[in-house]
N, C-alpha and C. Protein backbone atom coordinates (compact mmCIF):
# COMPACT_ATOMS: atom_id res chain seq x y z
N MET A 1 -4.15 49.83 16.29
CA MET A 1 -4.83 49.10 15.25
C MET A 1 -3.92 47.96 14.77
N THR A 2 -4.48 46.77 14.64
CA THR A 2 -3.71 45.60 14.21
C THR A 2 -3.61 45.60 12.70
N PRO A 3 -2.39 45.41 12.16
CA PRO A 3 -2.27 45.37 10.71
C PRO A 3 -2.97 44.13 10.15
N HIS A 4 -3.57 44.29 9.00
CA HIS A 4 -4.26 43.18 8.33
C HIS A 4 -3.25 42.44 7.45
N ILE A 5 -3.13 41.16 7.66
CA ILE A 5 -2.21 40.35 6.86
C ILE A 5 -3.00 39.77 5.70
N SER A 6 -2.50 39.99 4.52
CA SER A 6 -3.16 39.41 3.36
C SER A 6 -2.13 38.72 2.49
N GLY A 7 -2.61 37.97 1.55
CA GLY A 7 -1.70 37.27 0.65
C GLY A 7 -1.72 35.78 0.91
N PRO A 8 -0.85 35.05 0.24
CA PRO A 8 -0.88 33.59 0.30
C PRO A 8 -0.47 33.01 1.64
N PHE A 9 0.15 33.81 2.53
CA PHE A 9 0.62 33.27 3.79
C PHE A 9 -0.15 33.82 4.98
N GLN A 10 -1.45 33.98 4.80
CA GLN A 10 -2.30 34.34 5.93
C GLN A 10 -2.23 33.20 6.94
N GLN A 11 -2.51 33.50 8.19
CA GLN A 11 -2.39 32.49 9.25
C GLN A 11 -3.10 31.18 8.92
N PRO A 12 -4.41 31.18 8.55
CA PRO A 12 -5.04 29.89 8.24
C PRO A 12 -4.38 29.17 7.07
N ASN A 13 -3.96 29.91 6.07
CA ASN A 13 -3.31 29.29 4.92
C ASN A 13 -1.95 28.71 5.28
N ARG A 14 -1.25 29.35 6.19
CA ARG A 14 0.05 28.86 6.62
C ARG A 14 -0.09 27.49 7.29
N TRP A 15 -1.10 27.35 8.16
CA TRP A 15 -1.31 26.06 8.83
C TRP A 15 -1.76 25.00 7.85
N ALA A 16 -2.58 25.39 6.89
CA ALA A 16 -3.01 24.43 5.87
C ALA A 16 -1.82 23.95 5.06
N LEU A 17 -0.93 24.87 4.72
CA LEU A 17 0.26 24.52 3.96
C LEU A 17 1.16 23.59 4.76
N LEU A 18 1.37 23.90 6.04
CA LEU A 18 2.21 23.05 6.89
C LEU A 18 1.60 21.67 7.07
N THR A 19 0.29 21.61 7.23
CA THR A 19 -0.40 20.33 7.37
C THR A 19 -0.26 19.50 6.09
N ALA A 20 -0.45 20.15 4.96
CA ALA A 20 -0.32 19.44 3.67
C ALA A 20 1.10 18.93 3.46
N LEU A 21 2.09 19.74 3.81
CA LEU A 21 3.48 19.31 3.66
C LEU A 21 3.80 18.13 4.58
N ALA A 22 3.31 18.18 5.81
CA ALA A 22 3.54 17.08 6.74
C ALA A 22 2.87 15.80 6.25
N ALA A 23 1.64 15.93 5.75
CA ALA A 23 0.92 14.76 5.24
C ALA A 23 1.66 14.16 4.05
N ALA A 24 2.16 15.01 3.16
CA ALA A 24 2.88 14.53 1.98
C ALA A 24 4.18 13.83 2.39
N ALA A 25 4.83 14.34 3.43
CA ALA A 25 6.09 13.76 3.86
C ALA A 25 5.91 12.40 4.53
N PHE A 26 4.83 12.26 5.30
CA PHE A 26 4.65 11.04 6.08
C PHE A 26 3.73 10.01 5.43
N ALA A 27 2.97 10.39 4.42
CA ALA A 27 2.05 9.45 3.77
C ALA A 27 2.76 8.20 3.25
N PRO A 28 3.91 8.33 2.60
CA PRO A 28 4.58 7.11 2.12
C PRO A 28 4.93 6.14 3.24
N LEU A 29 5.23 6.64 4.42
CA LEU A 29 5.57 5.76 5.54
C LEU A 29 4.35 4.98 6.01
N LEU A 30 3.17 5.56 5.83
CA LEU A 30 1.96 4.91 6.29
C LEU A 30 1.41 3.91 5.29
N THR A 31 1.66 4.13 4.01
CA THR A 31 1.02 3.30 2.99
C THR A 31 1.99 2.37 2.27
N THR A 32 3.25 2.65 2.29
CA THR A 32 4.19 1.89 1.48
C THR A 32 4.29 0.43 1.87
N SER A 33 4.34 0.13 3.14
CA SER A 33 4.57 -1.25 3.55
C SER A 33 3.45 -2.18 3.08
N ALA A 34 2.20 -1.79 3.23
CA ALA A 34 1.10 -2.64 2.79
C ALA A 34 1.08 -2.77 1.28
N ALA A 35 1.28 -1.67 0.59
CA ALA A 35 1.27 -1.70 -0.87
C ALA A 35 2.43 -2.54 -1.40
N GLU A 36 3.61 -2.36 -0.81
CA GLU A 36 4.77 -3.12 -1.25
C GLU A 36 4.59 -4.61 -0.98
N ALA A 37 4.00 -4.93 0.15
CA ALA A 37 3.78 -6.34 0.48
C ALA A 37 2.88 -6.98 -0.56
N HIS A 38 1.86 -6.27 -0.96
CA HIS A 38 0.96 -6.81 -1.98
C HIS A 38 1.69 -6.94 -3.32
N MET A 39 2.45 -5.92 -3.69
CA MET A 39 3.14 -5.97 -4.98
C MET A 39 4.18 -7.09 -5.02
N LYS A 40 4.83 -7.37 -3.91
CA LYS A 40 5.82 -8.45 -3.88
C LYS A 40 5.16 -9.81 -4.02
N GLY A 41 3.86 -9.88 -3.74
CA GLY A 41 3.14 -11.14 -3.84
C GLY A 41 2.41 -11.29 -5.16
N MET A 42 2.70 -10.43 -6.13
CA MET A 42 2.03 -10.49 -7.42
C MET A 42 3.02 -10.98 -8.47
N PHE A 43 2.53 -11.86 -9.33
CA PHE A 43 3.39 -12.48 -10.33
C PHE A 43 2.79 -12.36 -11.71
N LYS A 44 3.65 -12.36 -12.72
CA LYS A 44 3.19 -12.24 -14.10
C LYS A 44 2.55 -13.52 -14.61
N THR A 45 2.96 -14.65 -14.06
CA THR A 45 2.40 -15.92 -14.53
C THR A 45 1.76 -16.69 -13.38
N LYS A 46 0.79 -17.50 -13.75
CA LYS A 46 0.12 -18.35 -12.77
C LYS A 46 1.10 -19.35 -12.17
N GLN A 47 2.00 -19.86 -13.00
CA GLN A 47 2.98 -20.84 -12.53
C GLN A 47 3.88 -20.25 -11.44
N ASP A 48 4.32 -19.01 -11.61
CA ASP A 48 5.16 -18.37 -10.59
C ASP A 48 4.39 -18.18 -9.29
N ALA A 49 3.12 -17.81 -9.40
CA ALA A 49 2.29 -17.64 -8.20
C ALA A 49 2.08 -18.99 -7.50
N GLU A 50 1.93 -20.04 -8.26
CA GLU A 50 1.77 -21.37 -7.68
C GLU A 50 3.04 -21.83 -6.97
N LYS A 51 4.20 -21.48 -7.52
CA LYS A 51 5.48 -21.80 -6.85
C LYS A 51 5.55 -21.11 -5.50
N ARG A 52 5.14 -19.84 -5.46
CA ARG A 52 5.15 -19.10 -4.20
C ARG A 52 4.13 -19.69 -3.23
N ALA A 53 3.00 -20.15 -3.77
CA ALA A 53 1.98 -20.79 -2.92
C ALA A 53 2.56 -22.01 -2.23
N ALA A 54 3.34 -22.79 -2.96
CA ALA A 54 3.97 -23.97 -2.36
C ALA A 54 4.91 -23.57 -1.22
N GLU A 55 5.65 -22.49 -1.41
CA GLU A 55 6.54 -21.99 -0.35
C GLU A 55 5.74 -21.55 0.88
N LEU A 56 4.56 -20.99 0.64
CA LEU A 56 3.72 -20.52 1.74
C LEU A 56 2.86 -21.63 2.34
N LYS A 57 2.96 -22.84 1.75
CA LYS A 57 2.19 -24.01 2.20
C LYS A 57 0.69 -23.80 2.00
N CYS A 58 0.34 -23.21 0.86
CA CYS A 58 -1.06 -23.13 0.44
C CYS A 58 -1.11 -23.61 -1.01
N LYS A 59 -2.28 -23.75 -1.56
CA LYS A 59 -2.41 -24.31 -2.90
C LYS A 59 -3.09 -23.33 -3.83
N GLY A 60 -2.69 -23.39 -5.11
CA GLY A 60 -3.36 -22.64 -6.15
C GLY A 60 -2.83 -21.24 -6.36
N ALA A 61 -3.57 -20.51 -7.19
CA ALA A 61 -3.25 -19.12 -7.50
C ALA A 61 -4.54 -18.46 -7.97
N PHE A 62 -4.64 -17.16 -7.74
CA PHE A 62 -5.83 -16.46 -8.21
C PHE A 62 -5.41 -15.19 -8.94
N ALA A 63 -6.25 -14.80 -9.89
CA ALA A 63 -5.95 -13.63 -10.72
C ALA A 63 -6.32 -12.36 -9.98
N MET A 64 -5.47 -11.36 -10.14
CA MET A 64 -5.72 -10.02 -9.61
C MET A 64 -5.42 -9.08 -10.77
N GLY A 65 -6.45 -8.76 -11.53
CA GLY A 65 -6.24 -8.00 -12.75
C GLY A 65 -5.48 -8.87 -13.75
N SER A 66 -4.39 -8.34 -14.27
CA SER A 66 -3.59 -9.11 -15.23
C SER A 66 -2.46 -9.88 -14.55
N LEU A 67 -2.38 -9.82 -13.22
CA LEU A 67 -1.33 -10.51 -12.48
C LEU A 67 -1.93 -11.66 -11.67
N TRP A 68 -1.05 -12.45 -11.07
CA TRP A 68 -1.46 -13.62 -10.30
C TRP A 68 -0.92 -13.52 -8.88
N MET A 69 -1.69 -14.04 -7.94
CA MET A 69 -1.27 -14.08 -6.54
C MET A 69 -1.35 -15.52 -6.05
N PRO A 70 -0.49 -15.89 -5.10
CA PRO A 70 -0.47 -17.26 -4.59
C PRO A 70 -1.68 -17.57 -3.72
N CYS A 71 -1.97 -18.85 -3.57
CA CYS A 71 -3.07 -19.40 -2.76
C CYS A 71 -4.38 -19.34 -3.55
N ALA A 72 -5.38 -20.02 -3.03
CA ALA A 72 -6.65 -20.14 -3.75
C ALA A 72 -7.40 -18.81 -3.83
N ASN A 73 -7.24 -17.96 -2.81
CA ASN A 73 -7.90 -16.66 -2.79
C ASN A 73 -7.17 -15.74 -1.82
N GLU A 74 -7.62 -14.51 -1.72
CA GLU A 74 -6.91 -13.54 -0.88
C GLU A 74 -6.99 -13.90 0.59
N GLN A 75 -8.10 -14.45 1.02
CA GLN A 75 -8.24 -14.85 2.41
C GLN A 75 -7.22 -15.94 2.77
N ALA A 76 -7.08 -16.92 1.89
CA ALA A 76 -6.11 -17.99 2.12
C ALA A 76 -4.68 -17.44 2.09
N LEU A 77 -4.43 -16.48 1.23
CA LEU A 77 -3.09 -15.86 1.17
C LEU A 77 -2.76 -15.16 2.47
N HIS A 78 -3.69 -14.37 2.98
CA HIS A 78 -3.43 -13.66 4.24
C HIS A 78 -3.20 -14.63 5.40
N LYS A 79 -3.95 -15.70 5.42
CA LYS A 79 -3.78 -16.72 6.46
C LYS A 79 -2.39 -17.36 6.34
N ALA A 80 -2.00 -17.68 5.12
CA ALA A 80 -0.69 -18.29 4.90
C ALA A 80 0.44 -17.33 5.29
N LEU A 81 0.28 -16.05 4.97
CA LEU A 81 1.30 -15.07 5.33
C LEU A 81 1.42 -14.90 6.84
N GLN A 82 0.31 -15.00 7.54
CA GLN A 82 0.36 -14.90 9.00
C GLN A 82 1.07 -16.10 9.62
N ASN A 83 0.90 -17.25 8.99
CA ASN A 83 1.51 -18.47 9.52
C ASN A 83 2.96 -18.62 9.11
N ASN A 84 3.41 -17.85 8.17
CA ASN A 84 4.76 -18.00 7.65
C ASN A 84 5.75 -17.19 8.43
């Protein structure tokens, strides 16, 4: 007769726990670069965003919540970043 395993470390729960731990460990590696890139392109003032726009060879600035991003819009910003 096979012993019945019960408790928090049953076989299915063990794999779920390992999967969750792996996801938690690697999630920052998958999401950090895009999020950080966006945050580095956000400025407190419109003037600072416009200065960055000049460096990227685009014009203007657009609001993103209470912050500002360089270029006329997000599409123009992505194009400028690809060309830079």
